Amino acid sequence: MTLEPTFRTGRVASALLVLGAILSFVACDGDDCDGGTCVCSSGASCEFECDEPPCHVDCKGDNDSCTGACGNGDCTCGKGSDCDFSCKVSPCHVLMQVQNGEFKRVFPTKAGTMDCAAKNVVQVKLDLLGS
């Protein structure tokens, strides 16, 4: 079965909403992570890994070192902190379409599965400032 990419805004937005809901159960690892948010207390040095998005990192302030991966989430660097954030996305997805007013699974067709092939993530380098 060959799938052609679909770029219609409504279909893509619907698929992303469903994907976000499916992936919202896994988070960062670390002792100070709760519900996908990793917190580095004021004055502490922290390093957080993101096993699977969504992951959020919150460096409260005056952190000598606060590093972490933000995946489908936000990273904040408090005043006086030295922060180093990277971005991580999950390769897993489910393609859904709205058909006759209902969400229908298109790919993969088997219920309860996702396509998690590494080829689903493509790294793109953007020069947004034209430098």
C-alpha atoms as a PDB file:
ATOM      1  CA  MET A   1       0.000   0.000   0.000  1.00  0.00           C
ATOM      2  CA  THR A   2       1.468   3.336  -1.041  1.00  0.00           C
ATOM      3  CA  LEU A   3       0.336   6.485   0.709  1.00  0.00           C
ATOM      4  CA  GLU A   4       0.602   9.868  -0.893  1.00  0.00           C
ATOM      5  CA  PRO A   5       1.304  12.840   1.419  1.00  0.00           C
ATOM      6  CA  THR A   6      -1.722  14.956   2.236  1.00  0.00           C
ATOM      7  CA  PHE A   7      -1.193  18.646   2.854  1.00  0.00           C
ATOM      8  CA  ARG A   8      -4.743  19.811   3.301  1.00  0.00           C
ATOM      9  CA  THR A   9      -4.822  21.925   6.428  1.00  0.00           C
ATOM     10  CA  GLY A  10      -7.934  20.345   7.917  1.00  0.00           C
ATOM     11  CA  ARG A  11      -6.708  16.786   7.543  1.00  0.00           C
ATOM     12  CA  VAL A  12      -3.231  17.556   8.837  1.00  0.00           C
ATOM     13  CA  ALA A  13      -4.595  19.505  11.816  1.00  0.00           C
ATOM     14  CA  SER A  14      -7.005  16.694  12.673  1.00  0.00           C
ATOM     15  CA  ALA A  15      -4.253  14.100  12.454  1.00  0.00           C
ATOM     16  CA  LEU A  16      -1.935  16.191  14.647  1.00  0.00           C
ATOM     17  CA  LEU A  17      -4.620  16.597  17.313  1.00  0.00           C
ATOM     18  CA  VAL A  18      -5.171  12.851  17.443  1.00  0.00           C
ATOM     19  CA  LEU A  19      -1.422  12.178  17.483  1.00  0.00           C
ATOM     20  CA  GLY A  20      -0.919  14.653  20.336  1.00  0.00           C
ATOM     21  CA  ALA A  21      -3.562  12.932  22.424  1.00  0.00           C
ATOM     22  CA  ILE A  22      -2.022   9.507  21.798  1.00  0.00           C
ATOM     23  CA  LEU A  23       1.507  10.605  22.721  1.00  0.00           C
ATOM     24  CA  SER A  24       0.589  12.562  25.839  1.00  0.00           C
ATOM     25  CA  PHE A  25       1.214   9.661  28.208  1.00  0.00           C
ATOM     26  CA  VAL A  26       5.032   9.449  28.141  1.00  0.00           C
ATOM     27  CA  ALA A  27       7.430  12.063  29.514  1.00  0.00           C
ATOM     28  CA  CYS A  28      10.943  13.028  30.594  1.00  0.00           C
ATOM     29  CA  ASP A  29      12.889  10.827  32.899  1.00  0.00           C
ATOM     30  CA  GLY A  30      14.518  12.181  36.039  1.00  0.00           C
ATOM     31  CA  ASP A  31      13.780  12.612  39.721  1.00  0.00           C
ATOM     32  CA  ASP A  32      12.253  16.083  39.332  1.00  0.00           C
ATOM     33  CA  CYS A  33       9.879  15.287  36.461  1.00  0.00           C
ATOM     34  CA  ASP A  34       6.148  15.148  36.966  1.00  0.00           C
ATOM     35  CA  GLY A  35       3.581  14.697  34.222  1.00  0.00           C
ATOM     36  CA  GLY A  36       6.119  15.432  31.476  1.00  0.00           C
ATOM     37  CA  THR A  37       7.516  18.590  33.089  1.00  0.00           C
ATOM     38  CA  CYS A  38      11.073  18.448  34.422  1.00  0.00           C
ATOM     39  CA  VAL A  39      11.847  21.174  36.969  1.00  0.00           C
ATOM     40  CA  CYS A  40      15.333  22.324  37.922  1.00  0.00           C
ATOM     41  CA  SER A  41      15.025  24.131  41.266  1.00  0.00           C
ATOM     42  CA  SER A  42      16.595  27.567  41.759  1.00  0.00           C
ATOM     43  CA  GLY A  43      20.356  27.326  42.206  1.00  0.00           C
ATOM     44  CA  ALA A  44      20.572  23.656  41.159  1.00  0.00           C
ATOM     45  CA  SER A  45      22.382  22.106  38.199  1.00  0.00           C
ATOM     46  CA  CYS A  46      20.255  19.671  36.208  1.00  0.00           C
ATOM     47  CA  GLU A  47      20.348  17.468  33.134  1.00  0.00           C
ATOM     48  CA  PHE A  48      17.147  15.897  31.836  1.00  0.00           C
ATOM     49  CA  GLU A  49      16.643  13.363  29.054  1.00  0.00           C
ATOM     50  CA  CYS A  50      13.485  13.014  27.027  1.00  0.00           C
ATOM     51  CA  ASP A  51      12.637   9.351  26.445  1.00  0.00           C
ATOM     52  CA  GLU A  52       9.553  10.177  24.398  1.00  0.00           C
ATOM     53  CA  PRO A  53       7.734  13.484  23.853  1.00  0.00           C
ATOM     54  CA  PRO A  54       5.982  15.432  25.189  1.00  0.00           C
ATOM     55  CA  CYS A  55       8.726  16.795  27.451  1.00  0.00           C
ATOM     56  CA  HIS A  56       8.940  20.215  29.081  1.00  0.00           C
ATOM     57  CA  VAL A  57      11.929  21.649  30.977  1.00  0.00           C
ATOM     58  CA  ASP A  58      11.581  24.470  33.507  1.00  0.00           C
ATOM     59  CA  CYS A  59      14.836  25.936  34.864  1.00  0.00           C
ATOM     60  CA  LYS A  60      13.638  28.126  37.740  1.00  0.00           C
ATOM     61  CA  GLY A  61      16.607  30.523  37.924  1.00  0.00           C
ATOM     62  CA  ASP A  62      20.216  30.951  38.991  1.00  0.00           C
ATOM     63  CA  ASN A  63      21.054  27.523  37.547  1.00  0.00           C
ATOM     64  CA  ASP A  64      24.776  27.007  36.814  1.00  0.00           C
ATOM     65  CA  SER A  65      23.782  24.364  34.274  1.00  0.00           C
ATOM     66  CA  CYS A  66      20.339  23.286  33.098  1.00  0.00           C
ATOM     67  CA  THR A  67      20.157  21.044  30.048  1.00  0.00           C
ATOM     68  CA  GLY A  68      17.315  19.081  28.596  1.00  0.00           C
ATOM     69  CA  ALA A  69      15.351  18.051  25.552  1.00  0.00           C
ATOM     70  CA  CYS A  70      12.057  19.699  24.753  1.00  0.00           C
ATOM     71  CA  GLY A  71       9.785  17.437  22.783  1.00  0.00           C
ATOM     72  CA  ASN A  72       6.426  18.818  21.675  1.00  0.00           C
ATOM     73  CA  GLY A  73       6.633  21.082  24.704  1.00  0.00           C
ATOM     74  CA  ASP A  74       8.160  24.213  26.156  1.00  0.00           C
ATOM     75  CA  CYS A  75      11.517  24.878  27.743  1.00  0.00           C
ATOM     76  CA  THR A  76      12.015  27.916  29.966  1.00  0.00           C
ATOM     77  CA  CYS A  77      15.309  29.332  31.186  1.00  0.00           C
ATOM     78  CA  GLY A  78      14.950  31.369  34.385  1.00  0.00           C
ATOM     79  CA  LYS A  79      16.836  34.583  35.117  1.00  0.00           C
ATOM     80  CA  GLY A  80      20.555  34.064  35.755  1.00  0.00           C
ATOM     81  CA  SER A  81      20.551  30.497  34.392  1.00  0.00           C
ATOM     82  CA  ASP A  82      22.894  28.891  31.871  1.00  0.00           C
ATOM     83  CA  CYS A  83      20.585  26.699  29.765  1.00  0.00           C
ATOM     84  CA  ASP A  84      21.139  24.365  26.835  1.00  0.00           C
ATOM     85  CA  PHE A  85      17.996  22.933  25.272  1.00  0.00           C
ATOM     86  CA  SER A  86      17.564  20.548  22.372  1.00  0.00           C
ATOM     87  CA  CYS A  87      14.435  19.510  20.527  1.00  0.00           C
ATOM     88  CA  LYS A  88      13.170  15.949  20.260  1.00  0.00           C
ATOM     89  CA  VAL A  89      10.204  14.624  18.346  1.00  0.00           C
ATOM     90  CA  SER A  90       8.698  11.184  18.302  1.00  0.00           C
ATOM     91  CA  PRO A  91       8.758   9.209  15.056  1.00  0.00           C
ATOM     92  CA  CYS A  92       5.461   7.541  16.030  1.00  0.00           C
ATOM     93  CA  HIS A  93       2.292   8.545  14.263  1.00  0.00           C
ATOM     94  CA  VAL A  94      -1.160   7.469  13.234  1.00  0.00           C
ATOM     95  CA  LEU A  95      -2.763   8.948  10.137  1.00  0.00           C
ATOM     96  CA  MET A  96      -6.441   9.729  10.631  1.00  0.00           C
ATOM     97  CA  GLN A  97      -8.958  11.299   8.262  1.00  0.00           C
ATOM     98  CA  VAL A  98     -12.357  12.788   8.837  1.00  0.00           C
ATOM     99  CA  GLN A  99     -14.795  10.768   6.736  1.00  0.00           C
ATOM    100  CA  ASN A 100     -18.512  11.471   6.924  1.00  0.00           C
ATOM    101  CA  GLY A 101     -17.932  13.553  10.064  1.00  0.00           C
ATOM    102  CA  GLU A 102     -16.017  10.832  11.939  1.00  0.00           C
ATOM    103  CA  PHE A 103     -12.325  10.120  12.472  1.00  0.00           C
ATOM    104  CA  LYS A 104     -11.225   7.061  10.501  1.00  0.00           C
ATOM    105  CA  ARG A 105      -7.838   5.356  10.855  1.00  0.00           C
ATOM    106  CA  VAL A 106      -5.972   5.363   7.532  1.00  0.00           C
ATOM    107  CA  PHE A 107      -2.474   4.174   8.484  1.00  0.00           C
ATOM    108  CA  PRO A 108      -1.543   1.912  10.075  1.00  0.00           C
ATOM    109  CA  THR A 109      -4.875   0.201   9.673  1.00  0.00           C
ATOM    110  CA  LYS A 110      -4.564  -2.128  12.701  1.00  0.00           C
ATOM    111  CA  ALA A 111      -6.209  -0.615  15.807  1.00  0.00           C
ATOM    112  CA  GLY A 112      -3.900   0.045  18.766  1.00  0.00           C
ATOM    113  CA  THR A 113      -0.749   0.367  16.652  1.00  0.00           C
ATOM    114  CA  MET A 114       1.426   3.258  15.485  1.00  0.00           C
ATOM    115  CA  ASP A 115       4.073   3.606  12.791  1.00  0.00           C
ATOM    116  CA  CYS A 116       7.319   4.336  14.657  1.00  0.00           C
ATOM    117  CA  ALA A 117       9.874   3.986  11.843  1.00  0.00           C
ATOM    118  CA  ALA A 118      12.919   6.235  12.245  1.00  0.00           C
ATOM    119  CA  LYS A 119      12.378   7.448   8.654  1.00  0.00           C
ATOM    120  CA  ASN A 120       9.310   9.367   9.903  1.00  0.00           C
ATOM    121  CA  VAL A 121      11.549  12.084  11.378  1.00  0.00           C
ATOM    122  CA  VAL A 122      13.385  14.359   8.983  1.00  0.00           C
ATOM    123  CA  GLN A 123      15.745  17.028  10.270  1.00  0.00           C
ATOM    124  CA  VAL A 124      15.456  20.345   8.433  1.00  0.00           C
ATOM    125  CA  LYS A 125      17.883  23.216   8.932  1.00  0.00           C
ATOM    126  CA  LEU A 126      16.251  26.621   8.487  1.00  0.00           C
ATOM    127  CA  ASP A 127      17.987  29.947   8.022  1.00  0.00           C
ATOM    128  CA  LEU A 128      15.167  32.155   9.264  1.00  0.00           C
ATOM    129  CA  LEU A 129      17.324  35.264   9.540  1.00  0.00           C
ATOM    130  CA  GLY A 130      18.868  34.985   6.071  1.00  0.00           C
ATOM    131  CA  SER A 131      22.406  35.189   7.418  1.00  0.00           C
END
